[in-house]
Amino acid sequence: MTATAILLVAAIAATSRTASPELTAKVENYYASILKGRVIRYDLAIRRLPELKEGMEIVAIHGEEDRAEPPRGSRVCWVKVSEKGRLRDLPATVTIKPVELVPVAIADIQPRTPITHELFAMQEIETQSFGATHIPSLDELKGVWAKVKIPSGSVFSGRRISPIPVVVVGQPLKIVFRIGQIEAVALGKALEDGRLGETIRVLNLVSGFRLRGRVECGNMVSVE
């Protein structure tokens, strides 16, 4: 993303006539610092700010620092004030309408389809309605497939994708049996998907028994 693309344009609409100009500016600056570099642009509407009484001193604005996703939609942050040597947190309410560069499906993507660059395009989308939904980055779209159907025109979300397993259902594999220093091998078939280290159900093609084995590589599970 270029420096121009991440330029932040904040339209501020303060609705509290009694709000301190200092507090309004601090809330604006607080969200500007959080959104910088994470969205293309945004609109910030301040809905309600606490009325500061005489003797109150603004110490800090906080509450959104640890969010994995950019704050979207109706949000509450906290104004930490000092009054007669005591600290208090007072709520402030804002609405944020960010515009982000997000991956959008350009065709219907069926479940279990590996995600490639040919299946999506990066588009500027207003993401207010997404709330805390995780929208994957380009790097997070490597080595994943569709967990559910992703309709054409839909924004990718973390709930719709998952890492491609190293073992897939129906795949032939080796089942390694270990008892102490003794090891035996049988041919088997995966009955469910599995990533490295996961325990999955497999079918022993020699005995016909269904077992649970730990995925050790792309063609082997171990049973101990």
C-alpha atoms as a PDB file:
ATOM      1  CA  MET A   1       0.000   0.000   0.000  1.00  0.00           C
ATOM      2  CA  THR A   2       1.429   3.398  -0.993  1.00  0.00           C
ATOM      3  CA  ALA A   3       1.809   6.363   1.318  1.00  0.00           C
ATOM      4  CA  THR A   4      -0.989   8.067  -0.587  1.00  0.00           C
ATOM      5  CA  ALA A   5      -3.273   5.060  -0.158  1.00  0.00           C
ATOM      6  CA  ILE A   6      -2.944   5.059   3.596  1.00  0.00           C
ATOM      7  CA  LEU A   7      -3.523   8.785   3.953  1.00  0.00           C
ATOM      8  CA  LEU A   8      -6.061   9.191   6.725  1.00  0.00           C
ATOM      9  CA  VAL A   9      -8.926  11.588   6.162  1.00  0.00           C
ATOM     10  CA  ALA A  10     -11.014  12.024   9.293  1.00  0.00           C
ATOM     11  CA  ALA A  11     -14.292  13.921   9.170  1.00  0.00           C
ATOM     12  CA  ILE A  12     -15.148  14.780  12.758  1.00  0.00           C
ATOM     13  CA  ALA A  13     -18.751  15.417  13.795  1.00  0.00           C
ATOM     14  CA  ALA A  14     -18.912  16.373  17.459  1.00  0.00           C
ATOM     15  CA  THR A  15     -22.425  16.186  18.840  1.00  0.00           C
ATOM     16  CA  SER A  16     -21.903  17.201  22.446  1.00  0.00           C
ATOM     17  CA  ARG A  17     -22.218  20.968  22.789  1.00  0.00           C
ATOM     18  CA  THR A  18     -20.947  20.879  26.350  1.00  0.00           C
ATOM     19  CA  ALA A  19     -17.867  18.820  25.518  1.00  0.00           C
ATOM     20  CA  SER A  20     -14.500  20.377  26.185  1.00  0.00           C
ATOM     21  CA  PRO A  21     -12.637  21.292  22.971  1.00  0.00           C
ATOM     22  CA  GLU A  22      -9.537  19.791  24.583  1.00  0.00           C
ATOM     23  CA  LEU A  23     -11.308  16.481  25.189  1.00  0.00           C
ATOM     24  CA  THR A  24     -12.735  16.429  21.669  1.00  0.00           C
ATOM     25  CA  ALA A  25      -9.252  16.922  20.221  1.00  0.00           C
ATOM     26  CA  LYS A  26      -7.772  14.218  22.450  1.00  0.00           C
ATOM     27  CA  VAL A  27     -10.396  11.660  21.378  1.00  0.00           C
ATOM     28  CA  GLU A  28      -9.842  12.568  17.712  1.00  0.00           C
ATOM     29  CA  ASN A  29      -6.076  12.210  18.085  1.00  0.00           C
ATOM     30  CA  TYR A  30      -6.476   8.955  20.004  1.00  0.00           C
ATOM     31  CA  TYR A  31      -8.393   7.280  17.190  1.00  0.00           C
ATOM     32  CA  ALA A  32      -6.139   8.818  14.549  1.00  0.00           C
ATOM     33  CA  SER A  33      -3.157   7.123  16.215  1.00  0.00           C
ATOM     34  CA  ILE A  34      -4.949   3.751  16.339  1.00  0.00           C
ATOM     35  CA  LEU A  35      -6.238   3.845  12.755  1.00  0.00           C
ATOM     36  CA  LYS A  36      -3.080   5.212  11.150  1.00  0.00           C
ATOM     37  CA  GLY A  37      -1.660   2.708   8.671  1.00  0.00           C
ATOM     38  CA  ARG A  38      -4.521   0.253   9.241  1.00  0.00           C
ATOM     39  CA  VAL A  39      -7.228   1.797   7.065  1.00  0.00           C
ATOM     40  CA  ILE A  40      -7.276   3.921   3.930  1.00  0.00           C
ATOM     41  CA  ARG A  41      -9.531   6.607   5.387  1.00  0.00           C
ATOM     42  CA  TYR A  42     -12.343   6.928   7.903  1.00  0.00           C
ATOM     43  CA  ASP A  43     -15.169   9.076   9.198  1.00  0.00           C
ATOM     44  CA  LEU A  44     -15.299   9.593  12.952  1.00  0.00           C
ATOM     45  CA  ALA A  45     -18.488  10.873  14.586  1.00  0.00           C
ATOM     46  CA  ILE A  46     -18.243  11.712  18.262  1.00  0.00           C
ATOM     47  CA  ARG A  47     -21.627  10.799  19.735  1.00  0.00           C
ATOM     48  CA  ARG A  48     -21.154  11.498  23.407  1.00  0.00           C
ATOM     49  CA  LEU A  49     -18.360  12.834  25.552  1.00  0.00           C
ATOM     50  CA  PRO A  50     -18.368  13.144  29.336  1.00  0.00           C
ATOM     51  CA  GLU A  51     -18.839  16.634  30.720  1.00  0.00           C
ATOM     52  CA  LEU A  52     -15.712  17.593  32.620  1.00  0.00           C
ATOM     53  CA  LYS A  53     -16.348  19.294  35.907  1.00  0.00           C
ATOM     54  CA  GLU A  54     -14.174  22.015  37.297  1.00  0.00           C
ATOM     55  CA  GLY A  55     -11.049  20.546  38.809  1.00  0.00           C
ATOM     56  CA  MET A  56     -10.994  17.488  36.519  1.00  0.00           C
ATOM     57  CA  GLU A  57      -7.774  16.951  34.557  1.00  0.00           C
ATOM     58  CA  ILE A  58      -7.568  14.677  31.503  1.00  0.00           C
ATOM     59  CA  VAL A  59      -4.875  12.064  32.050  1.00  0.00           C
ATOM     60  CA  ALA A  60      -5.320   9.737  29.051  1.00  0.00           C
ATOM     61  CA  ILE A  61      -7.725   8.184  26.547  1.00  0.00           C
ATOM     62  CA  HIS A  62      -7.666   4.378  26.429  1.00  0.00           C
ATOM     63  CA  GLY A  63      -9.618   1.204  25.743  1.00  0.00           C
ATOM     64  CA  GLU A  64      -8.944   0.332  22.089  1.00  0.00           C
ATOM     65  CA  GLU A  65      -5.180  -0.243  22.084  1.00  0.00           C
ATOM     66  CA  ASP A  66      -5.162  -4.043  22.030  1.00  0.00           C
ATOM     67  CA  ARG A  67      -7.768  -4.659  19.335  1.00  0.00           C
ATOM     68  CA  ALA A  68      -6.621  -7.114  16.676  1.00  0.00           C
ATOM     69  CA  GLU A  69      -8.901  -5.432  14.138  1.00  0.00           C
ATOM     70  CA  PRO A  70      -9.293  -1.705  13.452  1.00  0.00           C
ATOM     71  CA  PRO A  71     -12.178  -0.278  15.522  1.00  0.00           C
ATOM     72  CA  ARG A  72     -15.350  -0.211  13.425  1.00  0.00           C
ATOM     73  CA  GLY A  73     -18.908   0.978  14.034  1.00  0.00           C
ATOM     74  CA  SER A  74     -20.133   2.126  17.446  1.00  0.00           C
ATOM     75  CA  ARG A  75     -17.279   2.191  19.913  1.00  0.00           C
ATOM     76  CA  VAL A  76     -16.708   3.147  23.545  1.00  0.00           C
ATOM     77  CA  CYS A  77     -13.375   4.446  24.769  1.00  0.00           C
ATOM     78  CA  TRP A  78     -12.514   5.684  28.236  1.00  0.00           C
ATOM     79  CA  VAL A  79     -11.385   9.077  29.400  1.00  0.00           C
ATOM     80  CA  LYS A  80      -9.129   8.750  32.427  1.00  0.00           C
ATOM     81  CA  VAL A  81      -9.403  11.893  34.546  1.00  0.00           C
ATOM     82  CA  SER A  82      -7.837  12.997  37.777  1.00  0.00           C
ATOM     83  CA  GLU A  83     -10.030  14.708  40.351  1.00  0.00           C
ATOM     84  CA  LYS A  84      -8.652  15.697  43.726  1.00  0.00           C
ATOM     85  CA  GLY A  85      -5.903  13.115  43.440  1.00  0.00           C
ATOM     86  CA  ARG A  86      -8.251  10.259  42.456  1.00  0.00           C
ATOM     87  CA  LEU A  87      -8.371   8.627  39.029  1.00  0.00           C
ATOM     88  CA  ARG A  88     -11.676   7.855  37.295  1.00  0.00           C
ATOM     89  CA  ASP A  89     -12.645   6.392  33.908  1.00  0.00           C
ATOM     90  CA  LEU A  90     -15.491   8.129  32.085  1.00  0.00           C
ATOM     91  CA  PRO A  91     -17.056   6.655  28.900  1.00  0.00           C
ATOM     92  CA  ALA A  92     -16.971   8.366  25.515  1.00  0.00           C
ATOM     93  CA  THR A  93     -19.006   7.069  22.563  1.00  0.00           C
ATOM     94  CA  VAL A  94     -18.038   7.380  18.903  1.00  0.00           C
ATOM     95  CA  THR A  95     -19.023   5.876  15.558  1.00  0.00           C
ATOM     96  CA  ILE A  96     -16.280   4.958  13.096  1.00  0.00           C
ATOM     97  CA  LYS A  97     -16.794   4.278   9.396  1.00  0.00           C
ATOM     98  CA  PRO A  98     -13.461   2.981   8.080  1.00  0.00           C
ATOM     99  CA  VAL A  99     -12.654   2.257   4.462  1.00  0.00           C
ATOM    100  CA  GLU A 100     -10.224  -0.646   4.119  1.00  0.00           C
ATOM    101  CA  LEU A 101      -8.519  -2.477   1.276  1.00  0.00           C
ATOM    102  CA  VAL A 102      -9.948  -5.984   1.600  1.00  0.00           C
ATOM    103  CA  PRO A 103     -10.034  -9.219  -0.443  1.00  0.00           C
ATOM    104  CA  VAL A 104     -13.315  -9.784  -2.309  1.00  0.00           C
ATOM    105  CA  ALA A 105     -14.264 -12.980  -4.155  1.00  0.00           C
ATOM    106  CA  ILE A 106     -14.628 -12.420  -7.905  1.00  0.00           C
ATOM    107  CA  ALA A 107     -16.429 -15.746  -8.431  1.00  0.00           C
ATOM    108  CA  ASP A 108     -18.230 -18.297  -6.282  1.00  0.00           C
ATOM    109  CA  ILE A 109     -15.623 -20.270  -4.336  1.00  0.00           C
ATOM    110  CA  GLN A 110     -16.669 -23.746  -3.280  1.00  0.00           C
ATOM    111  CA  PRO A 111     -15.646 -25.335   0.030  1.00  0.00           C
ATOM    112  CA  ARG A 112     -12.186 -26.958   0.073  1.00  0.00           C
ATOM    113  CA  THR A 113     -10.974 -24.816  -2.836  1.00  0.00           C
ATOM    114  CA  PRO A 114      -7.397 -23.535  -2.312  1.00  0.00           C
ATOM    115  CA  ILE A 115      -7.346 -19.735  -2.345  1.00  0.00           C
ATOM    116  CA  THR A 116      -5.257 -18.284  -5.182  1.00  0.00           C
ATOM    117  CA  HIS A 117      -4.839 -14.733  -6.462  1.00  0.00           C
ATOM    118  CA  GLU A 118      -7.098 -15.534  -9.417  1.00  0.00           C
ATOM    119  CA  LEU A 119     -10.092 -15.970  -7.086  1.00  0.00           C
ATOM    120  CA  PHE A 120     -10.177 -12.537  -5.447  1.00  0.00           C
ATOM    121  CA  ALA A 121      -9.459  -8.857  -5.945  1.00  0.00           C
ATOM    122  CA  MET A 122      -8.454  -6.223  -3.419  1.00  0.00           C
ATOM    123  CA  GLN A 123     -11.150  -3.551  -3.172  1.00  0.00           C
ATOM    124  CA  GLU A 124     -11.800  -0.474  -1.083  1.00  0.00           C
ATOM    125  CA  ILE A 125     -14.811  -1.289   1.095  1.00  0.00           C
ATOM    126  CA  GLU A 126     -16.502   0.552   3.965  1.00  0.00           C
ATOM    127  CA  THR A 127     -16.221  -1.947   6.816  1.00  0.00           C
ATOM    128  CA  GLN A 128     -18.317  -0.363   9.572  1.00  0.00           C
ATOM    129  CA  SER A 129     -20.726  -3.336   9.683  1.00  0.00           C
ATOM    130  CA  PHE A 130     -17.919  -5.902  10.097  1.00  0.00           C
ATOM    131  CA  GLY A 131     -17.337  -5.024  13.753  1.00  0.00           C
ATOM    132  CA  ALA A 132     -14.664  -7.285  15.228  1.00  0.00           C
ATOM    133  CA  THR A 133     -14.711  -9.735  12.298  1.00  0.00           C
ATOM    134  CA  HIS A 134     -11.179 -10.614  11.227  1.00  0.00           C
ATOM    135  CA  ILE A 135     -10.445  -9.669   7.606  1.00  0.00           C
ATOM    136  CA  PRO A 136      -7.337 -11.545   6.461  1.00  0.00           C
ATOM    137  CA  SER A 137      -4.347  -9.811   4.934  1.00  0.00           C
ATOM    138  CA  LEU A 138      -2.711 -10.953   1.702  1.00  0.00           C
ATOM    139  CA  ASP A 139      -0.114 -12.906   3.674  1.00  0.00           C
ATOM    140  CA  GLU A 140      -2.867 -14.700   5.611  1.00  0.00           C
ATOM    141  CA  LEU A 141      -4.404 -15.908   2.341  1.00  0.00           C
ATOM    142  CA  LYS A 142      -1.363 -18.040   1.565  1.00  0.00           C
ATOM    143  CA  GLY A 143      -1.764 -21.767   2.184  1.00  0.00           C
ATOM    144  CA  VAL A 144      -5.487 -21.623   2.987  1.00  0.00           C
ATOM    145  CA  TRP A 145      -8.673 -22.910   1.409  1.00  0.00           C
ATOM    146  CA  ALA A 146     -12.361 -22.079   1.623  1.00  0.00           C
ATOM    147  CA  LYS A 147     -13.939 -23.614   4.721  1.00  0.00           C
ATOM    148  CA  VAL A 148     -17.428 -22.755   3.455  1.00  0.00           C
ATOM    149  CA  LYS A 149     -18.812 -21.463   0.182  1.00  0.00           C
ATOM    150  CA  ILE A 150     -17.691 -17.880  -0.458  1.00  0.00           C
ATOM    151  CA  PRO A 151     -20.185 -16.211  -2.833  1.00  0.00           C
ATOM    152  CA  SER A 152     -18.969 -13.925  -5.573  1.00  0.00           C
ATOM    153  CA  GLY A 153     -18.708 -10.339  -4.326  1.00  0.00           C
ATOM    154  CA  SER A 154     -18.270 -11.379  -0.691  1.00  0.00           C
ATOM    155  CA  VAL A 155     -15.506 -10.099   1.536  1.00  0.00           C
ATOM    156  CA  PHE A 156     -13.178 -12.794   2.837  1.00  0.00           C
ATOM    157  CA  SER A 157     -13.284 -13.256   6.599  1.00  0.00           C
ATOM    158  CA  GLY A 158     -11.361 -15.420   9.014  1.00  0.00           C
ATOM    159  CA  ARG A 159     -14.435 -17.609   9.556  1.00  0.00           C
ATOM    160  CA  ARG A 160     -14.601 -18.503   5.863  1.00  0.00           C
ATOM    161  CA  ILE A 161     -11.078 -19.805   5.415  1.00  0.00           C
ATOM    162  CA  SER A 162      -8.751 -22.235   7.175  1.00  0.00           C
ATOM    163  CA  PRO A 163      -5.217 -23.584   6.616  1.00  0.00           C
ATOM    164  CA  ILE A 164      -5.025 -26.348   4.029  1.00  0.00           C
ATOM    165  CA  PRO A 165      -4.510 -29.602   5.974  1.00  0.00           C
ATOM    166  CA  VAL A 166      -1.529 -31.810   5.218  1.00  0.00           C
ATOM    167  CA  VAL A 167      -3.864 -34.838   5.232  1.00  0.00           C
ATOM    168  CA  VAL A 168      -7.267 -34.717   3.534  1.00  0.00           C
ATOM    169  CA  VAL A 169     -10.241 -37.021   3.913  1.00  0.00           C
ATOM    170  CA  GLY A 170     -10.046 -40.082   1.658  1.00  0.00           C
ATOM    171  CA  GLN A 171      -6.278 -39.848   1.259  1.00  0.00           C
ATOM    172  CA  PRO A 172      -4.255 -43.095   1.447  1.00  0.00           C
ATOM    173  CA  LEU A 173      -1.580 -43.048   4.126  1.00  0.00           C
ATOM    174  CA  LYS A 174       0.635 -45.177   6.357  1.00  0.00           C
ATOM    175  CA  ILE A 175      -0.463 -46.007   9.885  1.00  0.00           C
ATOM    176  CA  VAL A 176       2.537 -46.497  12.138  1.00  0.00           C
ATOM    177  CA  PHE A 177       1.948 -48.490  15.340  1.00  0.00           C
ATOM    178  CA  ARG A 178       4.463 -47.942  18.138  1.00  0.00           C
ATOM    179  CA  ILE A 179       4.659 -49.956  21.342  1.00  0.00           C
ATOM    180  CA  GLY A 180       7.886 -49.177  23.145  1.00  0.00           C
ATOM    181  CA  GLN A 181      10.704 -49.965  20.724  1.00  0.00           C
ATOM    182  CA  ILE A 182       8.456 -52.052  18.497  1.00  0.00           C
ATOM    183  CA  GLU A 183       7.068 -50.457  15.327  1.00  0.00           C
ATOM    184  CA  ALA A 184       4.651 -51.819  12.709  1.00  0.00           C
ATOM    185  CA  VAL A 185       3.160 -50.258   9.594  1.00  0.00           C
ATOM    186  CA  ALA A 186      -0.210 -50.780   7.925  1.00  0.00           C
ATOM    187  CA  LEU A 187      -1.930 -49.167   4.961  1.00  0.00           C
ATOM    188  CA  GLY A 188      -4.784 -46.868   5.843  1.00  0.00           C
ATOM    189  CA  LYS A 189      -7.095 -44.107   4.680  1.00  0.00           C
ATOM    190  CA  ALA A 190      -7.874 -40.760   6.261  1.00  0.00           C
ATOM    191  CA  LEU A 191     -11.469 -40.377   7.423  1.00  0.00           C
ATOM    192  CA  GLU A 192     -11.088 -36.640   8.113  1.00  0.00           C
ATOM    193  CA  ASP A 193      -8.777 -33.734   7.388  1.00  0.00           C
ATOM    194  CA  GLY A 194      -5.804 -33.087   9.647  1.00  0.00           C
ATOM    195  CA  ARG A 195      -2.947 -30.658  10.168  1.00  0.00           C
ATOM    196  CA  LEU A 196       0.460 -31.540  11.578  1.00  0.00           C
ATOM    197  CA  GLY A 197       0.166 -32.722  15.169  1.00  0.00           C
ATOM    198  CA  GLU A 198      -3.612 -33.146  15.085  1.00  0.00           C
ATOM    199  CA  THR A 199      -5.313 -36.427  15.958  1.00  0.00           C
ATOM    200  CA  ILE A 200      -7.680 -37.686  13.258  1.00  0.00           C
ATOM    201  CA  ARG A 201      -9.782 -40.753  12.520  1.00  0.00           C
ATOM    202  CA  VAL A 202      -8.273 -43.239  10.065  1.00  0.00           C
ATOM    203  CA  LEU A 203      -9.299 -46.596   8.618  1.00  0.00           C
ATOM    204  CA  ASN A 204      -6.893 -49.533   8.797  1.00  0.00           C
ATOM    205  CA  LEU A 205      -7.295 -51.099   5.346  1.00  0.00           C
ATOM    206  CA  VAL A 206      -5.744 -54.368   6.557  1.00  0.00           C
ATOM    207  CA  SER A 207      -7.938 -55.022   9.596  1.00  0.00           C
ATOM    208  CA  GLY A 208     -10.910 -52.815   8.750  1.00  0.00           C
ATOM    209  CA  PHE A 209     -10.666 -51.154  12.176  1.00  0.00           C
ATOM    210  CA  ARG A 210     -11.200 -47.432  12.652  1.00  0.00           C
ATOM    211  CA  LEU A 211      -8.507 -45.805  14.745  1.00  0.00           C
ATOM    212  CA  ARG A 212      -7.317 -42.412  15.873  1.00  0.00           C
ATOM    213  CA  GLY A 213      -3.810 -41.382  14.862  1.00  0.00           C
ATOM    214  CA  ARG A 214      -1.581 -38.338  15.156  1.00  0.00           C
ATOM    215  CA  VAL A 215      -0.608 -36.651  11.877  1.00  0.00           C
ATOM    216  CA  GLU A 216       3.192 -36.756  11.535  1.00  0.00           C
ATOM    217  CA  CYS A 217       3.529 -35.746   7.878  1.00  0.00           C
ATOM    218  CA  GLY A 218       1.524 -35.615   4.681  1.00  0.00           C
ATOM    219  CA  ASN A 219       1.199 -39.377   4.311  1.00  0.00           C
ATOM    220  CA  MET A 220       1.614 -40.824   7.797  1.00  0.00           C
ATOM    221  CA  VAL A 221      -0.145 -40.989  11.155  1.00  0.00           C
ATOM    222  CA  SER A 222       1.084 -42.674  14.295  1.00  0.00           C
ATOM    223  CA  VAL A 223      -0.851 -44.754  16.806  1.00  0.00           C
ATOM    224  CA  GLU A 224       0.710 -45.360  20.201  1.00  0.00           C
END
